[in-house]
Amino acid sequence: MLCAAVLLVSCNNATKTKEPNSISNPAEDLKPVISHVMTKEEQTRLTPDAILQEFIEGNKRFQSGTTTVRDHSKQARKSAPGQYPKAVVLSCVDSRVPVEDVFDQGLGDIFVGRVAGNFVNEDLLGSMEFACKVSGAKLVLVMGHQHCGAIKGAIDDVKLGNITAMLSKIKPAVAISQNFNGEKTSKNDKFVKYVSENNVIYTIDQIRKKSPILKEMEDKGEIKIVGVFYNLTDGTLEFLK
C-alpha cells in the first residue's frame, strides 16, 4: 500500500509538471524568424509599384497583429557591410508612429527621415536624393498622421523658441485649408486631419518643385512619390496622392 501511495503521488507530480506545456501554441512556435536583409540584386529587381503593394500588405499585417518575426541582432550584423533599402519614408517625429512597424519592414529595408510635421527642407531633400539616386530606393512616401501636434501648433500659431520657425514650414498647409467648412481650430479633429492631409500634398508638391533629381526620376518611372495619412487609433492608412 505504501508503494502504491508513493507511485500515485509521483504520477500526480509528473502530471503537474507537464501542465505548462499544454498551453503552448505550436503554430506560434513554428513561426519563422527572419534574419535576411535586402541585397543589391533584390533591390534591382523591385519596381516602385511592387514596393508600394508590399507596404500595403505589411500594413495589413500590422493592423491584424501578425507582423513578421525578425532577428534584429542578426539583421544588424548582416547589413553592416552595405545597405540596399527599397524606399524612403518622410514621417513626423511623433513617438506613436513607428514607421518600420507600420509597414512591417525590417532593418535595412527603408530609409526614414523624421521632422515634426513631416515637411521638406534642403536637408531632407538631399537625404531623399541620396536614398534614391545614390542608394537605389524606388519609393518616396510622405506620411502625415492623426492628432499631429505640429499641425495643431501651426493652426494655433504657436510662438516658442525654434518651434516658431519650424511651424512656419507648415503654415502653407493651414492657408490652403481655409476652404474647410466648419470650425477651423486645433480642437476640431476633422480640421486638423484636413490640414494634415493638405500638408502631405503640399510637401509632395515641394519635393517635385525643389528636387529636379527626384522629379526626373519620377517622370522616367524610376521612382514613385506617394502621400499617405496614418490613423493612430486603428493603424490604417489613407492614400492621398
C-alpha atoms as a PDB file:
ATOM      1  CA  MET A   1       0.000   0.000   0.000  1.00  0.00           C
ATOM      2  CA  LEU A   2       2.859   2.365   0.837  1.00  0.00           C
ATOM      3  CA  CYS A   3       4.438   1.692  -2.561  1.00  0.00           C
ATOM      4  CA  ALA A   4       1.117   2.340  -4.271  1.00  0.00           C
ATOM      5  CA  ALA A   5       0.743   5.696  -2.459  1.00  0.00           C
ATOM      6  CA  VAL A   6       4.257   6.776  -3.444  1.00  0.00           C
ATOM      7  CA  LEU A   7       3.585   5.793  -7.040  1.00  0.00           C
ATOM      8  CA  LEU A   8       0.318   7.758  -7.057  1.00  0.00           C
ATOM      9  CA  VAL A   9       1.988  10.924  -5.706  1.00  0.00           C
ATOM     10  CA  SER A  10       4.781  10.621  -8.264  1.00  0.00           C
ATOM     11  CA  CYS A  11       2.267  10.349 -11.101  1.00  0.00           C
ATOM     12  CA  ASN A  12       0.375  13.414  -9.878  1.00  0.00           C
ATOM     13  CA  ASN A  13       3.585  15.451  -9.685  1.00  0.00           C
ATOM     14  CA  ALA A  14       4.555  14.365 -13.173  1.00  0.00           C
ATOM     15  CA  THR A  15       1.168  15.458 -14.462  1.00  0.00           C
ATOM     16  CA  LYS A  16       1.528  18.888 -12.822  1.00  0.00           C
ATOM     17  CA  THR A  17       4.990  19.328 -14.336  1.00  0.00           C
ATOM     18  CA  LYS A  18       3.614  18.792 -17.829  1.00  0.00           C
ATOM     19  CA  GLU A  19       0.722  21.240 -17.468  1.00  0.00           C
ATOM     20  CA  PRO A  20       2.581  24.376 -18.674  1.00  0.00           C
ATOM     21  CA  ASN A  21       3.397  22.592 -21.951  1.00  0.00           C
ATOM     22  CA  SER A  22      -0.282  22.003 -22.611  1.00  0.00           C
ATOM     23  CA  ILE A  23      -0.904  25.738 -23.232  1.00  0.00           C
ATOM     24  CA  SER A  24       1.858  26.221 -25.811  1.00  0.00           C
ATOM     25  CA  ASN A  25       0.863  27.320 -29.300  1.00  0.00           C
ATOM     26  CA  PRO A  26       2.521  25.061 -31.901  1.00  0.00           C
ATOM     27  CA  ALA A  27       1.713  27.471 -34.739  1.00  0.00           C
ATOM     28  CA  GLU A  28       3.423  30.318 -32.895  1.00  0.00           C
ATOM     29  CA  ASP A  29       6.418  28.148 -32.025  1.00  0.00           C
ATOM     30  CA  LEU A  30       6.860  27.226 -35.696  1.00  0.00           C
ATOM     31  CA  LYS A  31       6.603  30.823 -36.991  1.00  0.00           C
ATOM     32  CA  PRO A  32       9.855  31.521 -38.883  1.00  0.00           C
ATOM     33  CA  VAL A  33      12.249  34.159 -37.567  1.00  0.00           C
ATOM     34  CA  ILE A  34      13.586  36.321 -40.397  1.00  0.00           C
ATOM     35  CA  SER A  35      17.233  37.390 -40.355  1.00  0.00           C
ATOM     36  CA  HIS A  36      17.613  38.049 -44.090  1.00  0.00           C
ATOM     37  CA  VAL A  37      18.464  41.589 -45.277  1.00  0.00           C
ATOM     38  CA  MET A  38      17.912  43.204 -48.665  1.00  0.00           C
ATOM     39  CA  THR A  39      20.583  42.559 -51.285  1.00  0.00           C
ATOM     40  CA  LYS A  40      21.544  44.692 -54.277  1.00  0.00           C
ATOM     41  CA  GLU A  41      20.122  42.080 -56.643  1.00  0.00           C
ATOM     42  CA  GLU A  42      16.767  42.039 -54.816  1.00  0.00           C
ATOM     43  CA  GLN A  43      16.615  45.836 -54.785  1.00  0.00           C
ATOM     44  CA  THR A  44      17.331  45.991 -58.527  1.00  0.00           C
ATOM     45  CA  ARG A  45      14.513  43.567 -59.351  1.00  0.00           C
ATOM     46  CA  LEU A  46      11.883  45.526 -57.404  1.00  0.00           C
ATOM     47  CA  THR A  47       9.574  48.059 -59.029  1.00  0.00           C
ATOM     48  CA  PRO A  48       8.032  51.122 -57.342  1.00  0.00           C
ATOM     49  CA  ASP A  49       4.544  49.611 -57.659  1.00  0.00           C
ATOM     50  CA  ALA A  50       5.669  46.295 -56.171  1.00  0.00           C
ATOM     51  CA  ILE A  51       7.211  48.088 -53.191  1.00  0.00           C
ATOM     52  CA  LEU A  52       4.051  50.115 -52.612  1.00  0.00           C
ATOM     53  CA  GLN A  53       1.976  46.930 -52.690  1.00  0.00           C
ATOM     54  CA  GLU A  54       4.379  45.321 -50.228  1.00  0.00           C
ATOM     55  CA  PHE A  55       3.881  48.288 -47.897  1.00  0.00           C
ATOM     56  CA  ILE A  56       0.094  47.964 -48.169  1.00  0.00           C
ATOM     57  CA  GLU A  57       0.229  44.252 -47.344  1.00  0.00           C
ATOM     58  CA  GLY A  58       2.682  44.895 -44.500  1.00  0.00           C
ATOM     59  CA  ASN A  59       0.317  47.465 -43.017  1.00  0.00           C
ATOM     60  CA  LYS A  60      -2.499  44.913 -43.092  1.00  0.00           C
ATOM     61  CA  ARG A  61      -0.301  42.551 -41.074  1.00  0.00           C
ATOM     62  CA  PHE A  62       0.435  45.403 -38.658  1.00  0.00           C
ATOM     63  CA  GLN A  63      -3.275  46.055 -38.197  1.00  0.00           C
ATOM     64  CA  SER A  64      -4.032  42.387 -37.534  1.00  0.00           C
ATOM     65  CA  GLY A  65      -1.081  41.814 -35.186  1.00  0.00           C
ATOM     66  CA  THR A  66       0.589  39.277 -37.483  1.00  0.00           C
ATOM     67  CA  THR A  67       3.770  41.169 -38.309  1.00  0.00           C
ATOM     68  CA  THR A  68       6.913  39.317 -39.344  1.00  0.00           C
ATOM     69  CA  VAL A  69       9.110  37.944 -36.556  1.00  0.00           C
ATOM     70  CA  ARG A  70      12.637  39.265 -37.095  1.00  0.00           C
ATOM     71  CA  ASP A  71      16.035  38.717 -35.505  1.00  0.00           C
ATOM     72  CA  HIS A  72      17.179  42.326 -35.407  1.00  0.00           C
ATOM     73  CA  SER A  73      20.572  41.453 -33.941  1.00  0.00           C
ATOM     74  CA  LYS A  74      21.414  39.237 -36.907  1.00  0.00           C
ATOM     75  CA  GLN A  75      19.947  41.721 -39.366  1.00  0.00           C
ATOM     76  CA  ALA A  76      22.092  44.486 -37.901  1.00  0.00           C
ATOM     77  CA  ARG A  77      25.256  42.434 -38.340  1.00  0.00           C
ATOM     78  CA  LYS A  78      24.340  41.261 -41.839  1.00  0.00           C
ATOM     79  CA  SER A  79      23.534  44.787 -43.039  1.00  0.00           C
ATOM     80  CA  ALA A  80      26.757  46.292 -41.682  1.00  0.00           C
ATOM     81  CA  PRO A  81      28.785  45.899 -44.927  1.00  0.00           C
ATOM     82  CA  GLY A  82      26.210  47.763 -47.040  1.00  0.00           C
ATOM     83  CA  GLN A  83      22.568  48.821 -47.339  1.00  0.00           C
ATOM     84  CA  TYR A  84      20.088  48.477 -50.205  1.00  0.00           C
ATOM     85  CA  PRO A  85      16.772  49.923 -48.961  1.00  0.00           C
ATOM     86  CA  LYS A  86      13.700  49.770 -51.161  1.00  0.00           C
ATOM     87  CA  ALA A  87      12.103  53.073 -50.071  1.00  0.00           C
ATOM     88  CA  VAL A  88      12.491  56.332 -48.169  1.00  0.00           C
ATOM     89  CA  VAL A  89       9.741  57.476 -45.807  1.00  0.00           C
ATOM     90  CA  LEU A  90       9.332  61.044 -44.570  1.00  0.00           C
ATOM     91  CA  SER A  91       7.456  60.953 -41.287  1.00  0.00           C
ATOM     92  CA  CYS A  92       6.735  63.085 -38.243  1.00  0.00           C
ATOM     93  CA  VAL A  93       8.886  62.704 -35.118  1.00  0.00           C
ATOM     94  CA  ASP A  94       5.786  61.600 -33.200  1.00  0.00           C
ATOM     95  CA  SER A  95       6.637  58.641 -30.956  1.00  0.00           C
ATOM     96  CA  ARG A  96       3.313  56.997 -31.767  1.00  0.00           C
ATOM     97  CA  VAL A  97       4.289  56.480 -35.410  1.00  0.00           C
ATOM     98  CA  PRO A  98       6.699  53.503 -35.590  1.00  0.00           C
ATOM     99  CA  VAL A  99       7.437  53.704 -39.313  1.00  0.00           C
ATOM    100  CA  GLU A 100       9.089  50.300 -39.836  1.00  0.00           C
ATOM    101  CA  ASP A 101       6.371  48.565 -37.828  1.00  0.00           C
ATOM    102  CA  VAL A 102       3.517  50.335 -39.616  1.00  0.00           C
ATOM    103  CA  PHE A 103       4.688  48.795 -42.907  1.00  0.00           C
ATOM    104  CA  ASP A 104       6.141  45.608 -41.362  1.00  0.00           C
ATOM    105  CA  GLN A 105       9.656  46.306 -42.620  1.00  0.00           C
ATOM    106  CA  GLY A 106      12.977  45.218 -41.127  1.00  0.00           C
ATOM    107  CA  LEU A 107      16.489  46.581 -40.694  1.00  0.00           C
ATOM    108  CA  GLY A 108      17.972  47.747 -43.981  1.00  0.00           C
ATOM    109  CA  ASP A 109      14.586  47.847 -45.752  1.00  0.00           C
ATOM    110  CA  ILE A 110      13.807  51.579 -45.638  1.00  0.00           C
ATOM    111  CA  PHE A 111      15.368  54.976 -45.077  1.00  0.00           C
ATOM    112  CA  VAL A 112      13.384  57.048 -42.567  1.00  0.00           C
ATOM    113  CA  GLY A 113      13.540  60.844 -42.343  1.00  0.00           C
ATOM    114  CA  ARG A 114      11.748  62.445 -39.418  1.00  0.00           C
ATOM    115  CA  VAL A 115      10.789  66.021 -38.608  1.00  0.00           C
ATOM    116  CA  ALA A 116       7.831  67.405 -36.662  1.00  0.00           C
ATOM    117  CA  GLY A 117       5.105  67.989 -39.237  1.00  0.00           C
ATOM    118  CA  ASN A 118       6.792  65.878 -41.960  1.00  0.00           C
ATOM    119  CA  PHE A 119       7.705  68.857 -44.175  1.00  0.00           C
ATOM    120  CA  VAL A 120      10.703  69.065 -46.505  1.00  0.00           C
ATOM    121  CA  ASN A 121      13.678  71.377 -46.381  1.00  0.00           C
ATOM    122  CA  GLU A 122      17.079  71.336 -48.077  1.00  0.00           C
ATOM    123  CA  ASP A 123      18.451  68.709 -45.691  1.00  0.00           C
ATOM    124  CA  LEU A 124      15.586  66.272 -46.152  1.00  0.00           C
ATOM    125  CA  LEU A 125      15.514  66.778 -49.915  1.00  0.00           C
ATOM    126  CA  GLY A 126      19.222  65.967 -50.009  1.00  0.00           C
ATOM    127  CA  SER A 127      18.578  62.884 -47.902  1.00  0.00           C
ATOM    128  CA  MET A 128      15.852  61.737 -50.298  1.00  0.00           C
ATOM    129  CA  GLU A 129      18.125  62.300 -53.296  1.00  0.00           C
ATOM    130  CA  PHE A 130      20.813  60.234 -51.594  1.00  0.00           C
ATOM    131  CA  ALA A 131      18.289  57.485 -50.828  1.00  0.00           C
ATOM    132  CA  CYS A 132      17.002  57.277 -54.409  1.00  0.00           C
ATOM    133  CA  LYS A 133      19.696  58.472 -56.805  1.00  0.00           C
ATOM    134  CA  VAL A 134      22.708  57.128 -54.905  1.00  0.00           C
ATOM    135  CA  SER A 135      21.372  54.173 -52.916  1.00  0.00           C
ATOM    136  CA  GLY A 136      18.668  52.862 -55.233  1.00  0.00           C
ATOM    137  CA  ALA A 137      15.439  53.353 -53.255  1.00  0.00           C
ATOM    138  CA  LYS A 138      12.404  53.342 -55.568  1.00  0.00           C
ATOM    139  CA  LEU A 139       9.585  54.702 -53.440  1.00  0.00           C
ATOM    140  CA  VAL A 140       9.293  58.089 -51.709  1.00  0.00           C
ATOM    141  CA  LEU A 141       6.470  58.052 -49.185  1.00  0.00           C
ATOM    142  CA  VAL A 142       5.359  61.137 -47.245  1.00  0.00           C
ATOM    143  CA  MET A 143       3.316  60.193 -44.184  1.00  0.00           C
ATOM    144  CA  GLY A 144       1.178  62.511 -42.097  1.00  0.00           C
ATOM    145  CA  HIS A 145      -0.799  61.213 -39.138  1.00  0.00           C
ATOM    146  CA  GLN A 146      -3.828  61.622 -36.920  1.00  0.00           C
ATOM    147  CA  HIS A 147      -3.680  64.047 -33.951  1.00  0.00           C
ATOM    148  CA  CYS A 148      -0.401  65.629 -35.093  1.00  0.00           C
ATOM    149  CA  GLY A 149       0.882  68.113 -32.507  1.00  0.00           C
ATOM    150  CA  ALA A 150       2.916  70.060 -35.061  1.00  0.00           C
ATOM    151  CA  ILE A 151      -0.158  70.573 -37.234  1.00  0.00           C
ATOM    152  CA  LYS A 152      -2.114  71.753 -34.193  1.00  0.00           C
ATOM    153  CA  GLY A 153       0.726  74.119 -33.294  1.00  0.00           C
ATOM    154  CA  ALA A 154       0.704  75.629 -36.788  1.00  0.00           C
ATOM    155  CA  ILE A 155      -3.073  76.066 -36.641  1.00  0.00           C
ATOM    156  CA  ASP A 156      -2.770  77.810 -33.263  1.00  0.00           C
ATOM    157  CA  ASP A 157       0.137  79.966 -34.494  1.00  0.00           C
ATOM    158  CA  VAL A 158       2.311  78.879 -31.562  1.00  0.00           C
ATOM    159  CA  LYS A 159       5.330  81.080 -30.796  1.00  0.00           C
ATOM    160  CA  LEU A 160       8.079  79.347 -28.825  1.00  0.00           C
ATOM    161  CA  GLY A 161      11.826  79.341 -29.492  1.00  0.00           C
ATOM    162  CA  ASN A 162      12.866  77.441 -32.617  1.00  0.00           C
ATOM    163  CA  ILE A 163       9.413  75.875 -32.796  1.00  0.00           C
ATOM    164  CA  THR A 164       8.176  79.158 -34.303  1.00  0.00           C
ATOM    165  CA  ALA A 165      10.443  78.857 -37.346  1.00  0.00           C
ATOM    166  CA  MET A 166       9.716  75.157 -37.681  1.00  0.00           C
ATOM    167  CA  LEU A 167       5.955  75.692 -37.726  1.00  0.00           C
ATOM    168  CA  SER A 168       6.324  78.323 -40.447  1.00  0.00           C
ATOM    169  CA  LYS A 169       7.100  75.427 -42.822  1.00  0.00           C
ATOM    170  CA  ILE A 170       3.619  74.021 -42.116  1.00  0.00           C
ATOM    171  CA  LYS A 171       1.726  77.335 -42.366  1.00  0.00           C
ATOM    172  CA  PRO A 172       1.173  76.975 -46.166  1.00  0.00           C
ATOM    173  CA  ALA A 173      -0.936  73.882 -45.466  1.00  0.00           C
ATOM    174  CA  VAL A 174      -3.013  75.856 -42.950  1.00  0.00           C
ATOM    175  CA  ALA A 175      -3.501  78.625 -45.520  1.00  0.00           C
ATOM    176  CA  ILE A 176      -4.726  76.299 -48.274  1.00  0.00           C
ATOM    177  CA  SER A 177      -7.100  74.628 -45.808  1.00  0.00           C
ATOM    178  CA  GLN A 178      -9.201  77.730 -45.179  1.00  0.00           C
ATOM    179  CA  ASN A 179     -11.876  76.412 -47.514  1.00  0.00           C
ATOM    180  CA  PHE A 180     -12.780  73.881 -44.810  1.00  0.00           C
ATOM    181  CA  ASN A 181     -16.468  74.005 -43.931  1.00  0.00           C
ATOM    182  CA  GLY A 182     -16.558  74.011 -40.149  1.00  0.00           C
ATOM    183  CA  GLU A 183     -14.667  75.168 -37.074  1.00  0.00           C
ATOM    184  CA  LYS A 184     -11.080  75.942 -38.093  1.00  0.00           C
ATOM    185  CA  THR A 185      -9.322  75.320 -34.776  1.00  0.00           C
ATOM    186  CA  SER A 186      -6.959  72.718 -33.356  1.00  0.00           C
ATOM    187  CA  LYS A 187      -9.828  71.443 -31.201  1.00  0.00           C
ATOM    188  CA  ASN A 188     -11.665  70.216 -34.278  1.00  0.00           C
ATOM    189  CA  ASP A 189     -10.174  66.821 -35.173  1.00  0.00           C
ATOM    190  CA  LYS A 190     -11.679  66.944 -38.663  1.00  0.00           C
ATOM    191  CA  PHE A 191      -9.982  70.255 -39.419  1.00  0.00           C
ATOM    192  CA  VAL A 192      -6.678  69.019 -38.003  1.00  0.00           C
ATOM    193  CA  LYS A 193      -6.901  65.988 -40.280  1.00  0.00           C
ATOM    194  CA  TYR A 194      -7.756  68.177 -43.270  1.00  0.00           C
ATOM    195  CA  VAL A 195      -4.707  70.368 -42.669  1.00  0.00           C
ATOM    196  CA  SER A 196      -2.507  67.311 -42.142  1.00  0.00           C
ATOM    197  CA  GLU A 197      -3.657  65.820 -45.448  1.00  0.00           C
ATOM    198  CA  ASN A 198      -3.072  69.112 -47.259  1.00  0.00           C
ATOM    199  CA  ASN A 199       0.348  69.297 -45.638  1.00  0.00           C
ATOM    200  CA  VAL A 200       1.269  65.915 -47.136  1.00  0.00           C
ATOM    201  CA  ILE A 201       0.051  67.006 -50.575  1.00  0.00           C
ATOM    202  CA  TYR A 202       1.894  70.333 -50.294  1.00  0.00           C
ATOM    203  CA  THR A 203       5.066  68.519 -49.219  1.00  0.00           C
ATOM    204  CA  ILE A 204       4.919  66.258 -52.268  1.00  0.00           C
ATOM    205  CA  ASP A 205       4.483  69.314 -54.494  1.00  0.00           C
ATOM    206  CA  GLN A 206       7.560  70.854 -52.862  1.00  0.00           C
ATOM    207  CA  ILE A 207       9.589  67.690 -53.469  1.00  0.00           C
ATOM    208  CA  ARG A 208       8.767  67.792 -57.175  1.00  0.00           C
ATOM    209  CA  LYS A 209       9.379  71.533 -57.395  1.00  0.00           C
ATOM    210  CA  LYS A 210      12.620  71.757 -55.404  1.00  0.00           C
ATOM    211  CA  SER A 211      14.309  68.489 -56.417  1.00  0.00           C
ATOM    212  CA  PRO A 212      14.876  68.235 -60.168  1.00  0.00           C
ATOM    213  CA  ILE A 213      16.660  64.934 -59.495  1.00  0.00           C
ATOM    214  CA  LEU A 214      13.623  63.278 -57.892  1.00  0.00           C
ATOM    215  CA  LYS A 215      11.220  64.861 -60.390  1.00  0.00           C
ATOM    216  CA  GLU A 216      13.217  63.462 -63.297  1.00  0.00           C
ATOM    217  CA  MET A 217      13.399  60.018 -61.695  1.00  0.00           C
ATOM    218  CA  GLU A 218       9.635  60.065 -61.168  1.00  0.00           C
ATOM    219  CA  ASP A 219       8.990  61.172 -64.752  1.00  0.00           C
ATOM    220  CA  LYS A 220      11.117  58.275 -66.005  1.00  0.00           C
ATOM    221  CA  GLY A 221       9.237  55.795 -63.818  1.00  0.00           C
ATOM    222  CA  GLU A 222      12.335  55.019 -61.757  1.00  0.00           C
ATOM    223  CA  ILE A 223      10.631  56.061 -58.520  1.00  0.00           C
ATOM    224  CA  LYS A 224       7.125  56.697 -57.233  1.00  0.00           C
ATOM    225  CA  ILE A 225       6.225  59.583 -54.891  1.00  0.00           C
ATOM    226  CA  VAL A 226       3.194  58.848 -52.712  1.00  0.00           C
ATOM    227  CA  GLY A 227       1.367  60.526 -49.832  1.00  0.00           C
ATOM    228  CA  VAL A 228      -0.446  58.759 -47.015  1.00  0.00           C
ATOM    229  CA  PHE A 229      -2.326  59.601 -43.826  1.00  0.00           C
ATOM    230  CA  TYR A 230      -1.832  57.240 -40.876  1.00  0.00           C
ATOM    231  CA  ASN A 231      -4.609  56.718 -38.328  1.00  0.00           C
ATOM    232  CA  LEU A 232      -3.235  56.254 -34.816  1.00  0.00           C
ATOM    233  CA  THR A 233      -6.442  54.735 -33.491  1.00  0.00           C
ATOM    234  CA  ASP A 234      -6.531  51.656 -35.712  1.00  0.00           C
ATOM    235  CA  GLY A 235      -3.280  51.585 -37.686  1.00  0.00           C
ATOM    236  CA  THR A 236      -4.966  52.068 -41.061  1.00  0.00           C
ATOM    237  CA  LEU A 237      -3.636  54.098 -43.992  1.00  0.00           C
ATOM    238  CA  GLU A 238      -5.399  56.541 -46.299  1.00  0.00           C
ATOM    239  CA  PHE A 239      -3.544  57.210 -49.542  1.00  0.00           C
ATOM    240  CA  LEU A 240      -3.736  60.804 -50.682  1.00  0.00           C
ATOM    241  CA  LYS A 241      -1.687  61.275 -53.839  1.00  0.00           C
END
